[in-house]
Amino acid sequence: MSVALFGLTINGNEENTYIPLATEEVFNKIWLPAAREHQLQWISAFGAGHSYTREDIAGILEELGRLSGIIEKMKKEDEVLLRIKTLHDFLKKLEHEEGTIEFSIG
């Protein structure tokens, strides 16, 4: 299993989007402990799978920035940092789309 962004819908139109974030093992070993220790609620919920909307993007982006700093201090998780950056950049672009936005991460 893995954790990914999927199921993107913009203004009722489904987009074929899949952004892998981590294998379940990497998510449970690196992402989740860091998120729990630093009380990153959005990221902690990724493993269980949830749907999100435009209104959630700012909070997720803020936590992704915090998570990046935490992972950088570990000094050995370049692939994790790359996945965080990919998600951050995608959500930053998505934030500027017009209309309703829905997506899932899980």
N, C-alpha and C. Protein backbone atom coordinates (compact mmCIF):
# COMPACT_ATOMS: atom_id res chain seq x y z
N MET A 1 0.84 -1.18 0.00
CA MET A 1 0.00 0.00 0.00
C MET A 1 0.89 1.24 0.00
N SER A 2 0.25 2.34 -0.41
CA SER A 2 0.98 3.60 -0.41
C SER A 2 0.03 4.74 -0.07
N VAL A 3 0.60 5.89 0.21
CA VAL A 3 -0.16 7.10 0.49
C VAL A 3 0.06 8.03 -0.70
N ALA A 4 -1.04 8.58 -1.24
CA ALA A 4 -0.95 9.42 -2.43
C ALA A 4 -2.10 10.41 -2.48
N LEU A 5 -1.93 11.46 -3.28
CA LEU A 5 -3.03 12.35 -3.62
C LEU A 5 -3.69 11.77 -4.85
N PHE A 6 -5.01 11.72 -4.85
CA PHE A 6 -5.74 11.17 -5.99
C PHE A 6 -7.15 11.74 -5.99
N GLY A 7 -7.90 11.45 -7.04
CA GLY A 7 -9.31 11.82 -7.09
C GLY A 7 -9.54 13.32 -7.16
N LEU A 8 -8.74 14.03 -7.93
CA LEU A 8 -8.88 15.47 -8.05
C LEU A 8 -10.10 15.83 -8.90
N THR A 9 -10.93 16.72 -8.37
CA THR A 9 -12.08 17.25 -9.11
C THR A 9 -12.04 18.77 -9.01
N ILE A 10 -12.09 19.43 -10.18
CA ILE A 10 -12.12 20.89 -10.24
C ILE A 10 -13.39 21.29 -10.96
N ASN A 11 -14.23 22.05 -10.26
CA ASN A 11 -15.52 22.49 -10.82
C ASN A 11 -16.34 21.34 -11.37
N GLY A 12 -16.34 20.23 -10.68
CA GLY A 12 -17.12 19.07 -11.08
C GLY A 12 -16.47 18.20 -12.15
N ASN A 13 -15.32 18.60 -12.67
CA ASN A 13 -14.62 17.83 -13.70
C ASN A 13 -13.49 17.03 -13.06
N GLU A 14 -13.54 15.73 -13.23
CA GLU A 14 -12.51 14.87 -12.67
C GLU A 14 -11.24 14.95 -13.50
N GLU A 15 -10.12 15.09 -12.81
CA GLU A 15 -8.81 15.13 -13.44
C GLU A 15 -8.09 13.82 -13.11
N ASN A 16 -7.37 13.30 -14.05
CA ASN A 16 -6.62 12.07 -13.83
C ASN A 16 -5.31 12.43 -13.13
N THR A 17 -5.36 12.50 -11.81
CA THR A 17 -4.21 12.94 -11.03
C THR A 17 -3.87 11.89 -9.97
N TYR A 18 -2.60 11.57 -9.92
CA TYR A 18 -2.09 10.65 -8.90
C TYR A 18 -0.69 11.11 -8.54
N ILE A 19 -0.50 11.52 -7.29
CA ILE A 19 0.81 11.97 -6.82
C ILE A 19 1.21 11.10 -5.64
N PRO A 20 2.13 10.16 -5.86
CA PRO A 20 2.56 9.30 -4.76
C PRO A 20 3.35 10.08 -3.72
N LEU A 21 3.05 9.83 -2.45
CA LEU A 21 3.74 10.52 -1.36
C LEU A 21 4.71 9.62 -0.64
N ALA A 22 4.28 8.41 -0.33
CA ALA A 22 5.14 7.49 0.42
C ALA A 22 4.56 6.09 0.38
N THR A 23 5.44 5.11 0.50
CA THR A 23 4.92 3.77 0.74
C THR A 23 4.32 3.78 2.14
N GLU A 24 3.50 2.83 2.44
CA GLU A 24 2.90 2.76 3.77
C GLU A 24 3.99 2.63 4.83
N GLU A 25 5.04 1.87 4.52
CA GLU A 25 6.13 1.69 5.47
C GLU A 25 6.84 3.02 5.75
N VAL A 26 7.17 3.76 4.71
CA VAL A 26 7.85 5.05 4.89
C VAL A 26 6.93 6.05 5.59
N PHE A 27 5.65 6.05 5.23
CA PHE A 27 4.71 6.96 5.88
C PHE A 27 4.65 6.66 7.38
N ASN A 28 4.53 5.38 7.73
CA ASN A 28 4.43 5.00 9.14
C ASN A 28 5.73 5.15 9.91
N LYS A 29 6.86 5.08 9.22
CA LYS A 29 8.17 5.16 9.88
C LYS A 29 8.67 6.61 10.00
N ILE A 30 8.34 7.47 9.01
CA ILE A 30 8.91 8.82 8.99
C ILE A 30 7.84 9.90 9.10
N TRP A 31 6.90 9.92 8.15
CA TRP A 31 5.90 10.98 8.13
C TRP A 31 5.05 11.01 9.40
N LEU A 32 4.47 9.88 9.74
CA LEU A 32 3.51 9.83 10.84
C LEU A 32 4.13 10.14 12.21
N PRO A 33 5.27 9.55 12.56
CA PRO A 33 5.85 9.91 13.86
C PRO A 33 6.20 11.41 13.96
N ALA A 34 6.73 11.97 12.88
CA ALA A 34 7.06 13.40 12.89
C ALA A 34 5.78 14.23 13.03
N ALA A 35 4.75 13.84 12.30
CA ALA A 35 3.47 14.57 12.35
C ALA A 35 2.86 14.50 13.75
N ARG A 36 2.88 13.35 14.34
CA ARG A 36 2.31 13.20 15.68
C ARG A 36 3.11 13.96 16.73
N GLU A 37 4.43 13.85 16.65
CA GLU A 37 5.28 14.52 17.63
C GLU A 37 5.11 16.03 17.59
N HIS A 38 4.87 16.56 16.39
CA HIS A 38 4.76 18.01 16.23
C HIS A 38 3.32 18.47 16.02
N GLN A 39 2.39 17.57 16.30
CA GLN A 39 0.95 17.87 16.26
C GLN A 39 0.50 18.43 14.91
N LEU A 40 0.91 17.76 13.84
CA LEU A 40 0.52 18.13 12.48
C LEU A 40 -0.73 17.32 12.14
N GLN A 41 -1.88 17.90 12.39
CA GLN A 41 -3.14 17.17 12.28
C GLN A 41 -3.50 16.79 10.85
N TRP A 42 -3.26 17.68 9.89
CA TRP A 42 -3.60 17.36 8.50
C TRP A 42 -2.78 16.16 8.03
N ILE A 43 -1.48 16.22 8.28
CA ILE A 43 -0.59 15.16 7.81
C ILE A 43 -0.85 13.86 8.54
N SER A 44 -1.17 13.92 9.81
CA SER A 44 -1.50 12.71 10.57
C SER A 44 -2.69 11.98 9.96
N ALA A 45 -3.61 12.73 9.36
CA ALA A 45 -4.82 12.13 8.78
C ALA A 45 -4.58 11.50 7.41
N PHE A 46 -3.47 11.81 6.76
CA PHE A 46 -3.22 11.29 5.41
C PHE A 46 -3.28 9.77 5.35
N GLY A 47 -2.73 9.09 6.33
CA GLY A 47 -2.65 7.63 6.30
C GLY A 47 -4.00 6.95 6.29
N ALA A 48 -4.98 7.54 6.96
CA ALA A 48 -6.32 6.95 7.03
C ALA A 48 -7.13 7.24 5.78
N GLY A 49 -6.75 8.25 5.04
CA GLY A 49 -7.46 8.62 3.82
C GLY A 49 -8.63 9.55 4.11
N HIS A 50 -8.56 10.74 3.51
CA HIS A 50 -9.61 11.74 3.68
C HIS A 50 -9.77 12.54 2.40
N SER A 51 -10.92 13.14 2.26
CA SER A 51 -11.17 14.07 1.17
C SER A 51 -10.95 15.48 1.68
N TYR A 52 -10.46 16.33 0.80
CA TYR A 52 -10.15 17.71 1.15
C TYR A 52 -10.73 18.66 0.11
N THR A 53 -10.86 19.93 0.50
CA THR A 53 -11.38 20.96 -0.40
C THR A 53 -10.40 22.13 -0.43
N ARG A 54 -10.74 23.11 -1.24
CA ARG A 54 -9.93 24.32 -1.34
C ARG A 54 -9.63 24.91 0.03
N GLU A 55 -10.61 24.92 0.90
CA GLU A 55 -10.47 25.53 2.22
C GLU A 55 -9.40 24.84 3.08
N ASP A 56 -9.08 23.61 2.76
CA ASP A 56 -8.09 22.85 3.52
C ASP A 56 -6.66 23.07 3.05
N ILE A 57 -6.49 23.60 1.85
CA ILE A 57 -5.16 23.68 1.23
C ILE A 57 -4.19 24.51 2.07
N ALA A 58 -4.60 25.67 2.56
CA ALA A 58 -3.68 26.53 3.32
C ALA A 58 -3.14 25.81 4.55
N GLY A 59 -3.98 25.10 5.27
CA GLY A 59 -3.54 24.36 6.45
C GLY A 59 -2.59 23.24 6.10
N ILE A 60 -2.87 22.55 5.01
CA ILE A 60 -1.99 21.46 4.58
C ILE A 60 -0.64 22.02 4.16
N LEU A 61 -0.64 23.13 3.41
CA LEU A 61 0.62 23.74 2.98
C LEU A 61 1.46 24.17 4.17
N GLU A 62 0.83 24.74 5.16
CA GLU A 62 1.55 25.18 6.36
C GLU A 62 2.21 23.99 7.04
N GLU A 63 1.48 22.90 7.18
CA GLU A 63 2.04 21.71 7.83
C GLU A 63 3.12 21.05 6.98
N LEU A 64 2.97 21.07 5.65
CA LEU A 64 4.01 20.51 4.80
C LEU A 64 5.31 21.29 4.97
N GLY A 65 5.22 22.61 5.11
CA GLY A 65 6.41 23.42 5.37
C GLY A 65 7.06 23.04 6.68
N ARG A 66 6.26 22.85 7.70
CA ARG A 66 6.80 22.44 9.01
C ARG A 66 7.43 21.06 8.92
N LEU A 67 6.75 20.13 8.24
CA LEU A 67 7.27 18.77 8.11
C LEU A 67 8.60 18.77 7.36
N SER A 68 8.73 19.60 6.33
CA SER A 68 10.00 19.69 5.60
C SER A 68 11.14 20.06 6.54
N GLY A 69 10.91 21.04 7.39
CA GLY A 69 11.94 21.45 8.33
C GLY A 69 12.33 20.34 9.28
N ILE A 70 11.34 19.59 9.72
CA ILE A 70 11.59 18.47 10.63
C ILE A 70 12.42 17.40 9.94
N ILE A 71 12.03 17.06 8.71
CA ILE A 71 12.72 16.00 7.96
C ILE A 71 14.14 16.45 7.59
N GLU A 72 14.30 17.73 7.24
CA GLU A 72 15.64 18.24 6.91
C GLU A 72 16.61 18.05 8.07
N LYS A 73 16.14 18.20 9.29
CA LYS A 73 17.00 18.02 10.46
C LYS A 73 17.46 16.57 10.61
N MET A 74 16.72 15.63 10.00
CA MET A 74 17.11 14.22 10.07
C MET A 74 18.31 13.95 9.16
N LYS A 75 18.54 14.79 8.16
CA LYS A 75 19.70 14.77 7.27
C LYS A 75 19.92 13.46 6.52
N LYS A 76 18.84 12.73 6.26
CA LYS A 76 19.05 11.49 5.49
C LYS A 76 17.82 11.09 4.68
N GLU A 77 16.88 11.96 4.56
CA GLU A 77 15.62 11.59 3.93
C GLU A 77 15.32 12.43 2.69
N ASP A 78 16.26 12.44 1.72
CA ASP A 78 16.10 13.26 0.53
C ASP A 78 14.86 12.89 -0.28
N GLU A 79 14.56 11.61 -0.39
CA GLU A 79 13.39 11.17 -1.16
C GLU A 79 12.10 11.66 -0.49
N VAL A 80 12.04 11.62 0.82
CA VAL A 80 10.87 12.11 1.55
C VAL A 80 10.71 13.60 1.30
N LEU A 81 11.81 14.36 1.36
CA LEU A 81 11.75 15.80 1.10
C LEU A 81 11.28 16.09 -0.32
N LEU A 82 11.72 15.30 -1.27
CA LEU A 82 11.29 15.47 -2.66
C LEU A 82 9.78 15.26 -2.79
N ARG A 83 9.24 14.24 -2.13
CA ARG A 83 7.80 13.97 -2.18
C ARG A 83 7.01 15.09 -1.51
N ILE A 84 7.51 15.60 -0.39
CA ILE A 84 6.84 16.71 0.30
C ILE A 84 6.82 17.93 -0.61
N LYS A 85 7.95 18.22 -1.26
CA LYS A 85 8.03 19.38 -2.16
C LYS A 85 7.08 19.21 -3.35
N THR A 86 7.02 18.02 -3.91
CA THR A 86 6.12 17.77 -5.04
C THR A 86 4.68 18.05 -4.65
N LEU A 87 4.26 17.55 -3.49
CA LEU A 87 2.89 17.79 -3.03
C LEU A 87 2.68 19.27 -2.74
N HIS A 88 3.63 19.90 -2.08
CA HIS A 88 3.53 21.33 -1.76
C HIS A 88 3.36 22.15 -3.04
N ASP A 89 4.21 21.90 -4.03
CA ASP A 89 4.15 22.65 -5.28
C ASP A 89 2.82 22.43 -6.00
N PHE A 90 2.34 21.19 -6.01
CA PHE A 90 1.07 20.90 -6.67
C PHE A 90 -0.08 21.63 -5.98
N LEU A 91 -0.12 21.57 -4.65
CA LEU A 91 -1.20 22.24 -3.92
C LEU A 91 -1.11 23.75 -4.05
N LYS A 92 0.09 24.29 -4.13
CA LYS A 92 0.26 25.74 -4.32
C LYS A 92 -0.36 26.17 -5.65
N LYS A 93 -0.13 25.39 -6.71
CA LYS A 93 -0.74 25.68 -8.02
C LYS A 93 -2.25 25.51 -7.94
N LEU A 94 -2.68 24.47 -7.28
CA LEU A 94 -4.11 24.17 -7.17
C LEU A 94 -4.84 25.28 -6.43
N GLU A 95 -4.17 25.89 -5.50
CA GLU A 95 -4.74 26.97 -4.70
C GLU A 95 -5.18 28.14 -5.59
N HIS A 96 -4.57 28.29 -6.75
CA HIS A 96 -4.87 29.41 -7.65
C HIS A 96 -5.93 29.07 -8.70
N GLU A 97 -6.41 27.84 -8.71
CA GLU A 97 -7.47 27.45 -9.63
C GLU A 97 -8.78 28.13 -9.23
N GLU A 98 -9.60 28.40 -10.21
CA GLU A 98 -10.92 29.00 -9.95
C GLU A 98 -11.93 27.91 -9.59
N GLY A 99 -12.91 28.25 -8.78
CA GLY A 99 -14.03 27.36 -8.50
C GLY A 99 -13.78 26.35 -7.39
N THR A 100 -14.61 25.31 -7.40
CA THR A 100 -14.55 24.30 -6.35
C THR A 100 -13.45 23.27 -6.64
N ILE A 101 -12.82 22.84 -5.57
CA ILE A 101 -11.73 21.87 -5.68
C ILE A 101 -11.97 20.80 -4.62
N GLU A 102 -11.84 19.56 -5.03
CA GLU A 102 -11.91 18.42 -4.12
C GLU A 102 -10.81 17.44 -4.51
N PHE A 103 -10.19 16.84 -3.51
CA PHE A 103 -9.18 15.81 -3.77
C PHE A 103 -9.09 14.94 -2.53
N SER A 104 -8.46 13.80 -2.71
CA SER A 104 -8.28 12.88 -1.60
C SER A 104 -6.80 12.59 -1.41
N ILE A 105 -6.45 12.34 -0.16
CA ILE A 105 -5.10 11.86 0.16
C ILE A 105 -5.28 10.68 1.08
N GLY A 106 -4.64 9.61 0.74
CA GLY A 106 -4.76 8.42 1.56
C GLY A 106 -4.03 7.26 0.94
